[in-house]
Amino acid sequence: MTNEEKIISMLTKMQADIDTLKTKLNVQDEETPEEYEAHKKTLLELINRPLTPEEQKDADEFAEYIAEMDARKVAM
């Protein structure tokens, strides 16, 4: 898998996570305070969960790619 394919895959997964969060946040208007706190806890756990080794590797590769692109911009 090329770096670009890995980046697209990672961004696609991130977008799916964002869509899930948006859906859960939009439901909160109809929740009881207890349900709200339960959803809030779940969302915080999702946001703050540690990355798997594969996700961390992809994130590191993405950061390197961005750094290379930034260096190219400066060189121009």
C-alpha atoms as a PDB file:
ATOM      1  CA  MET A   1       0.000   0.000   0.000  1.00  0.00           C
ATOM      2  CA  THR A   2       1.437   3.379  -0.969  1.00  0.00           C
ATOM      3  CA  ASN A   3       1.698   6.267   1.475  1.00  0.00           C
ATOM      4  CA  GLU A   4      -1.113   8.053  -0.333  1.00  0.00           C
ATOM      5  CA  GLU A   5      -3.367   4.998  -0.045  1.00  0.00           C
ATOM      6  CA  LYS A   6      -2.566   4.705   3.664  1.00  0.00           C
ATOM      7  CA  ILE A   7      -3.360   8.376   4.177  1.00  0.00           C
ATOM      8  CA  ILE A   8      -6.647   8.087   2.296  1.00  0.00           C
ATOM      9  CA  SER A   9      -7.551   5.006   4.324  1.00  0.00           C
ATOM     10  CA  MET A  10      -6.727   6.759   7.603  1.00  0.00           C
ATOM     11  CA  LEU A  11      -8.661   9.898   6.615  1.00  0.00           C
ATOM     12  CA  THR A  12     -11.648   7.793   5.541  1.00  0.00           C
ATOM     13  CA  LYS A  13     -11.675   6.072   8.940  1.00  0.00           C
ATOM     14  CA  MET A  14     -11.365   9.437  10.694  1.00  0.00           C
ATOM     15  CA  GLN A  15     -14.298  10.794   8.671  1.00  0.00           C
ATOM     16  CA  ALA A  16     -16.395   7.780   9.666  1.00  0.00           C
ATOM     17  CA  ASP A  17     -15.527   8.423  13.328  1.00  0.00           C
ATOM     18  CA  ILE A  18     -16.468  12.088  12.919  1.00  0.00           C
ATOM     19  CA  ASP A  19     -19.783  11.151  11.302  1.00  0.00           C
ATOM     20  CA  THR A  20     -20.490   8.786  14.202  1.00  0.00           C
ATOM     21  CA  LEU A  21     -19.724  11.538  16.712  1.00  0.00           C
ATOM     22  CA  LYS A  22     -21.951  14.023  14.861  1.00  0.00           C
ATOM     23  CA  THR A  23     -24.810  11.520  14.819  1.00  0.00           C
ATOM     24  CA  LYS A  24     -24.438  10.857  18.531  1.00  0.00           C
ATOM     25  CA  LEU A  25     -24.244  14.582  19.308  1.00  0.00           C
ATOM     26  CA  ASN A  26     -27.398  15.324  17.294  1.00  0.00           C
ATOM     27  CA  VAL A  27     -29.350  12.775  19.347  1.00  0.00           C
ATOM     28  CA  GLN A  28     -28.579  14.532  22.637  1.00  0.00           C
ATOM     29  CA  ASP A  29     -31.469  16.988  22.392  1.00  0.00           C
ATOM     30  CA  GLU A  30     -33.901  14.189  23.275  1.00  0.00           C
ATOM     31  CA  GLU A  31     -31.809  12.545  26.008  1.00  0.00           C
ATOM     32  CA  THR A  32     -32.256  12.522  29.719  1.00  0.00           C
ATOM     33  CA  PRO A  33     -29.347  13.870  31.785  1.00  0.00           C
ATOM     34  CA  GLU A  34     -28.294  10.298  32.572  1.00  0.00           C
ATOM     35  CA  GLU A  35     -28.270   9.337  28.894  1.00  0.00           C
ATOM     36  CA  TYR A  36     -26.347  12.497  28.071  1.00  0.00           C
ATOM     37  CA  GLU A  37     -23.659  11.667  30.640  1.00  0.00           C
ATOM     38  CA  ALA A  38     -23.409   8.090  29.356  1.00  0.00           C
ATOM     39  CA  HIS A  39     -22.996   9.291  25.762  1.00  0.00           C
ATOM     40  CA  LYS A  40     -20.525  11.946  26.848  1.00  0.00           C
ATOM     41  CA  LYS A  41     -18.438   9.303  28.627  1.00  0.00           C
ATOM     42  CA  THR A  42     -18.519   7.048  25.547  1.00  0.00           C
ATOM     43  CA  LEU A  43     -17.486   9.891  23.241  1.00  0.00           C
ATOM     44  CA  LEU A  44     -14.637  10.930  25.521  1.00  0.00           C
ATOM     45  CA  GLU A  45     -13.402   7.342  25.660  1.00  0.00           C
ATOM     46  CA  LEU A  46     -13.490   7.178  21.861  1.00  0.00           C
ATOM     47  CA  ILE A  47     -11.629  10.459  21.460  1.00  0.00           C
ATOM     48  CA  ASN A  48      -9.023   9.692  24.111  1.00  0.00           C
ATOM     49  CA  ARG A  49      -8.428   6.019  23.377  1.00  0.00           C
ATOM     50  CA  PRO A  50      -4.838   5.050  22.661  1.00  0.00           C
ATOM     51  CA  LEU A  51      -3.958   4.294  19.074  1.00  0.00           C
ATOM     52  CA  THR A  52      -3.261   0.743  18.038  1.00  0.00           C
ATOM     53  CA  PRO A  53       0.298   0.125  16.837  1.00  0.00           C
ATOM     54  CA  GLU A  54      -0.948   0.123  13.229  1.00  0.00           C
ATOM     55  CA  GLU A  55      -2.842   3.398  13.719  1.00  0.00           C
ATOM     56  CA  GLN A  56       0.218   4.958  15.374  1.00  0.00           C
ATOM     57  CA  LYS A  57       2.413   3.809  12.475  1.00  0.00           C
ATOM     58  CA  ASP A  58      -0.050   5.339   9.993  1.00  0.00           C
ATOM     59  CA  ALA A  59      -0.197   8.562  12.011  1.00  0.00           C
ATOM     60  CA  ASP A  60       3.605   8.774  12.104  1.00  0.00           C
ATOM     61  CA  GLU A  61       3.816   8.187   8.342  1.00  0.00           C
ATOM     62  CA  PHE A  62       1.163  10.847   7.793  1.00  0.00           C
ATOM     63  CA  ALA A  63       3.105  13.313   9.953  1.00  0.00           C
ATOM     64  CA  GLU A  64       6.276  12.588   7.977  1.00  0.00           C
ATOM     65  CA  TYR A  65       4.390  13.109   4.721  1.00  0.00           C
ATOM     66  CA  ILE A  66       3.019  16.458   5.912  1.00  0.00           C
ATOM     67  CA  ALA A  67       6.506  17.518   7.050  1.00  0.00           C
ATOM     68  CA  GLU A  68       7.879  16.651   3.593  1.00  0.00           C
ATOM     69  CA  MET A  69       5.121  18.677   1.913  1.00  0.00           C
ATOM     70  CA  ASP A  70       5.804  21.632   4.228  1.00  0.00           C
ATOM     71  CA  ALA A  71       9.526  21.416   3.449  1.00  0.00           C
ATOM     72  CA  ARG A  72       8.757  21.469  -0.268  1.00  0.00           C
ATOM     73  CA  LYS A  73       6.643  24.610   0.159  1.00  0.00           C
ATOM     74  CA  VAL A  74       9.474  26.366   2.010  1.00  0.00           C
ATOM     75  CA  ALA A  75      11.980  25.322  -0.663  1.00  0.00           C
ATOM     76  CA  MET A  76       9.857  26.913  -3.393  1.00  0.00           C
END
